[in-house]
Amino acid sequence: MNITKYFKEWWDNNCQRDLETYKQSRQLEDWKRFKGMVKKTKQKFFDGKINEIANEKYGSWKLVKKKSLPATKAIQYNS
């Protein structure tokens, strides 16, 4: 598994194996198996992340990203 700027944390060896199988056969059944594996793997990964965040000190607030004010609003606010 190569780690590049396109690397996905949820990608695992099962996804890689099913992708290689599809690339060799080009069969619709193998494509469906690959897509199913990706869906299950993503679901398992993100369920784990949600549980991890929910059990931390700040809970679900970690999911909320801070947004900076536009420059004009920031100038009005700070003066």
N, C-alpha and C. Protein backbone atom coordinates (compact mmCIF):
# COMPACT_ATOMS: atom_id res chain seq x y z
N MET A 1 0.85 -1.18 0.00
CA MET A 1 0.00 0.00 0.00
C MET A 1 0.89 1.23 0.00
N ASN A 2 0.72 2.08 -1.00
CA ASN A 2 1.50 3.31 -1.10
C ASN A 2 0.74 4.46 -0.47
N ILE A 3 1.45 5.26 0.33
CA ILE A 3 0.82 6.42 0.95
C ILE A 3 1.17 7.63 0.10
N THR A 4 0.16 8.19 -0.54
CA THR A 4 0.33 9.36 -1.38
C THR A 4 -0.60 10.45 -0.89
N LYS A 5 -0.65 11.56 -1.61
CA LYS A 5 -1.56 12.63 -1.21
C LYS A 5 -3.02 12.22 -1.42
N TYR A 6 -3.25 11.15 -2.17
CA TYR A 6 -4.61 10.66 -2.41
C TYR A 6 -4.98 9.51 -1.47
N PHE A 7 -4.11 9.18 -0.52
CA PHE A 7 -4.31 8.06 0.38
C PHE A 7 -5.57 8.25 1.23
N LYS A 8 -6.36 7.19 1.34
CA LYS A 8 -7.55 7.19 2.18
C LYS A 8 -7.28 6.33 3.40
N GLU A 9 -7.58 6.84 4.58
CA GLU A 9 -7.31 6.11 5.80
C GLU A 9 -8.10 4.81 5.90
N TRP A 10 -9.28 4.79 5.33
CA TRP A 10 -10.14 3.63 5.45
C TRP A 10 -9.74 2.50 4.51
N TRP A 11 -8.92 2.76 3.50
CA TRP A 11 -8.52 1.74 2.51
C TRP A 11 -7.72 0.65 3.20
N ASP A 12 -8.05 -0.61 2.94
CA ASP A 12 -7.30 -1.71 3.52
C ASP A 12 -6.96 -2.76 2.47
N ASN A 13 -6.35 -3.84 2.91
CA ASN A 13 -5.90 -4.88 1.98
C ASN A 13 -7.06 -5.57 1.28
N ASN A 14 -8.20 -5.68 1.94
CA ASN A 14 -9.36 -6.30 1.30
C ASN A 14 -9.83 -5.47 0.10
N CYS A 15 -9.84 -4.16 0.25
CA CYS A 15 -10.22 -3.28 -0.87
C CYS A 15 -9.22 -3.44 -2.01
N GLN A 16 -7.94 -3.47 -1.67
CA GLN A 16 -6.90 -3.60 -2.68
C GLN A 16 -7.03 -4.92 -3.42
N ARG A 17 -7.27 -5.99 -2.66
CA ARG A 17 -7.40 -7.32 -3.27
C ARG A 17 -8.58 -7.36 -4.25
N ASP A 18 -9.75 -6.84 -3.82
CA ASP A 18 -10.92 -6.86 -4.69
C ASP A 18 -10.74 -5.96 -5.91
N LEU A 19 -10.04 -4.85 -5.75
CA LEU A 19 -9.76 -3.98 -6.90
C LEU A 19 -8.87 -4.69 -7.91
N GLU A 20 -7.84 -5.36 -7.43
CA GLU A 20 -6.95 -6.09 -8.33
C GLU A 20 -7.70 -7.21 -9.05
N THR A 21 -8.59 -7.89 -8.33
CA THR A 21 -9.40 -8.94 -8.94
C THR A 21 -10.25 -8.37 -10.07
N TYR A 22 -10.87 -7.22 -9.81
CA TYR A 22 -11.70 -6.59 -10.84
C TYR A 22 -10.85 -6.15 -12.04
N LYS A 23 -9.69 -5.57 -11.78
CA LYS A 23 -8.83 -5.10 -12.87
C LYS A 23 -8.42 -6.25 -13.80
N GLN A 24 -8.22 -7.42 -13.23
CA GLN A 24 -7.81 -8.56 -14.04
C GLN A 24 -8.97 -9.15 -14.83
N SER A 25 -10.16 -9.22 -14.20
CA SER A 25 -11.27 -9.92 -14.85
C SER A 25 -12.19 -9.00 -15.65
N ARG A 26 -12.36 -7.76 -15.18
CA ARG A 26 -13.29 -6.80 -15.80
C ARG A 26 -14.72 -7.34 -15.86
N GLN A 27 -15.09 -8.12 -14.84
CA GLN A 27 -16.43 -8.68 -14.76
C GLN A 27 -17.31 -7.82 -13.85
N LEU A 28 -18.58 -7.72 -14.19
CA LEU A 28 -19.52 -6.92 -13.41
C LEU A 28 -19.64 -7.44 -11.98
N GLU A 29 -19.62 -8.76 -11.80
CA GLU A 29 -19.73 -9.34 -10.46
C GLU A 29 -18.55 -8.92 -9.57
N ASP A 30 -17.36 -8.88 -10.16
CA ASP A 30 -16.17 -8.46 -9.40
C ASP A 30 -16.25 -6.97 -9.06
N TRP A 31 -16.80 -6.17 -9.95
CA TRP A 31 -16.97 -4.74 -9.67
C TRP A 31 -17.94 -4.55 -8.52
N LYS A 32 -19.04 -5.30 -8.53
CA LYS A 32 -20.02 -5.21 -7.45
C LYS A 32 -19.41 -5.66 -6.12
N ARG A 33 -18.62 -6.72 -6.16
CA ARG A 33 -17.96 -7.19 -4.94
C ARG A 33 -17.01 -6.12 -4.40
N PHE A 34 -16.25 -5.48 -5.29
CA PHE A 34 -15.34 -4.41 -4.89
C PHE A 34 -16.09 -3.24 -4.27
N LYS A 35 -17.16 -2.80 -4.93
CA LYS A 35 -17.93 -1.66 -4.41
C LYS A 35 -18.56 -2.00 -3.06
N GLY A 36 -19.03 -3.23 -2.90
CA GLY A 36 -19.58 -3.67 -1.62
C GLY A 36 -18.54 -3.66 -0.53
N MET A 37 -17.34 -4.12 -0.86
CA MET A 37 -16.25 -4.14 0.12
C MET A 37 -15.87 -2.72 0.53
N VAL A 38 -15.81 -1.81 -0.43
CA VAL A 38 -15.50 -0.42 -0.13
C VAL A 38 -16.56 0.17 0.80
N LYS A 39 -17.81 -0.10 0.51
CA LYS A 39 -18.90 0.43 1.33
C LYS A 39 -18.81 -0.10 2.77
N LYS A 40 -18.59 -1.40 2.92
CA LYS A 40 -18.49 -1.99 4.26
C LYS A 40 -17.28 -1.44 5.01
N THR A 41 -16.16 -1.31 4.31
CA THR A 41 -14.93 -0.84 4.94
C THR A 41 -15.08 0.61 5.39
N LYS A 42 -15.65 1.45 4.53
CA LYS A 42 -15.88 2.86 4.90
C LYS A 42 -16.80 2.95 6.11
N GLN A 43 -17.88 2.18 6.08
CA GLN A 43 -18.86 2.23 7.16
C GLN A 43 -18.21 1.82 8.49
N LYS A 44 -17.43 0.76 8.47
CA LYS A 44 -16.76 0.30 9.68
C LYS A 44 -15.77 1.36 10.19
N PHE A 45 -14.99 1.94 9.28
CA PHE A 45 -14.00 2.94 9.65
C PHE A 45 -14.66 4.18 10.27
N PHE A 46 -15.69 4.71 9.59
CA PHE A 46 -16.30 5.94 10.08
C PHE A 46 -17.17 5.71 11.32
N ASP A 47 -17.74 4.53 11.48
CA ASP A 47 -18.44 4.22 12.73
C ASP A 47 -17.45 4.23 13.89
N GLY A 48 -16.26 3.69 13.66
CA GLY A 48 -15.22 3.72 14.69
C GLY A 48 -14.79 5.14 15.01
N LYS A 49 -14.64 5.98 14.00
CA LYS A 49 -14.27 7.38 14.22
C LYS A 49 -15.34 8.11 15.02
N ILE A 50 -16.61 7.87 14.68
CA ILE A 50 -17.71 8.53 15.39
C ILE A 50 -17.73 8.10 16.85
N ASN A 51 -17.54 6.81 17.10
CA ASN A 51 -17.49 6.33 18.49
C ASN A 51 -16.31 6.92 19.24
N GLU A 52 -15.18 7.03 18.58
CA GLU A 52 -13.99 7.61 19.20
C GLU A 52 -14.23 9.07 19.59
N ILE A 53 -14.82 9.83 18.69
CA ILE A 53 -15.09 11.24 18.95
C ILE A 53 -16.16 11.40 20.02
N ALA A 54 -17.19 10.56 19.98
CA ALA A 54 -18.29 10.66 20.95
C ALA A 54 -17.81 10.38 22.37
N ASN A 55 -16.77 9.59 22.52
CA ASN A 55 -16.29 9.23 23.85
C ASN A 55 -15.19 10.16 24.36
N GLU A 56 -14.79 11.14 23.57
CA GLU A 56 -13.78 12.09 24.00
C GLU A 56 -14.40 13.19 24.85
N LYS A 57 -13.55 14.03 25.40
CA LYS A 57 -13.98 15.09 26.30
C LYS A 57 -14.98 16.05 25.67
N TYR A 58 -14.71 16.49 24.44
CA TYR A 58 -15.57 17.48 23.80
C TYR A 58 -16.68 16.86 22.97
N GLY A 59 -16.69 15.57 22.84
CA GLY A 59 -17.76 14.89 22.13
C GLY A 59 -17.90 15.32 20.69
N SER A 60 -19.10 15.54 20.27
CA SER A 60 -19.37 15.83 18.87
C SER A 60 -18.93 17.22 18.44
N TRP A 61 -18.53 18.09 19.37
CA TRP A 61 -18.09 19.43 18.97
C TRP A 61 -16.81 19.39 18.16
N LYS A 62 -16.07 18.28 18.25
CA LYS A 62 -14.85 18.15 17.46
C LYS A 62 -15.18 18.08 15.97
N LEU A 63 -16.38 17.64 15.64
CA LEU A 63 -16.79 17.54 14.25
C LEU A 63 -17.08 18.90 13.63
N VAL A 64 -17.35 19.89 14.45
CA VAL A 64 -17.69 21.23 13.97
C VAL A 64 -16.39 22.00 13.74
N LYS A 65 -16.20 22.45 12.53
CA LYS A 65 -14.99 23.20 12.19
C LYS A 65 -15.21 24.68 12.47
N LYS A 66 -14.18 25.33 13.01
CA LYS A 66 -14.26 26.76 13.21
C LYS A 66 -14.14 27.46 11.87
N LYS A 67 -14.99 28.44 11.66
CA LYS A 67 -14.92 29.21 10.43
C LYS A 67 -14.45 30.61 10.78
N SER A 68 -13.50 31.09 10.01
CA SER A 68 -13.01 32.43 10.26
C SER A 68 -13.95 33.45 9.63
N LEU A 69 -13.97 34.61 10.22
CA LEU A 69 -14.82 35.67 9.70
C LEU A 69 -14.23 36.24 8.42
N PRO A 70 -15.06 36.72 7.53
CA PRO A 70 -14.52 37.45 6.38
C PRO A 70 -13.76 38.68 6.86
N ALA A 71 -12.84 39.18 6.08
CA ALA A 71 -11.97 40.29 6.49
C ALA A 71 -12.77 41.51 6.96
N THR A 72 -13.84 41.84 6.27
CA THR A 72 -14.60 43.03 6.65
C THR A 72 -15.28 42.82 7.99
N LYS A 73 -15.80 41.66 8.25
CA LYS A 73 -16.45 41.37 9.53
C LYS A 73 -15.41 41.34 10.65
N ALA A 74 -14.23 40.79 10.39
CA ALA A 74 -13.18 40.71 11.40
C ALA A 74 -12.71 42.11 11.79
N ILE A 75 -12.59 43.02 10.82
CA ILE A 75 -12.16 44.39 11.12
C ILE A 75 -13.21 45.09 11.96
N GLN A 76 -14.48 44.92 11.62
CA GLN A 76 -15.55 45.54 12.39
C GLN A 76 -15.59 44.97 13.80
N TYR A 77 -15.38 43.68 13.93
CA TYR A 77 -15.46 43.02 15.23
C TYR A 77 -14.30 43.43 16.14
N ASN A 78 -13.08 43.50 15.58
CA ASN A 78 -11.90 43.80 16.38
C ASN A 78 -11.74 45.27 16.70
N SER A 79 -12.41 46.15 15.98
CA SER A 79 -12.27 47.58 16.29
C SER A 79 -13.45 48.00 17.10
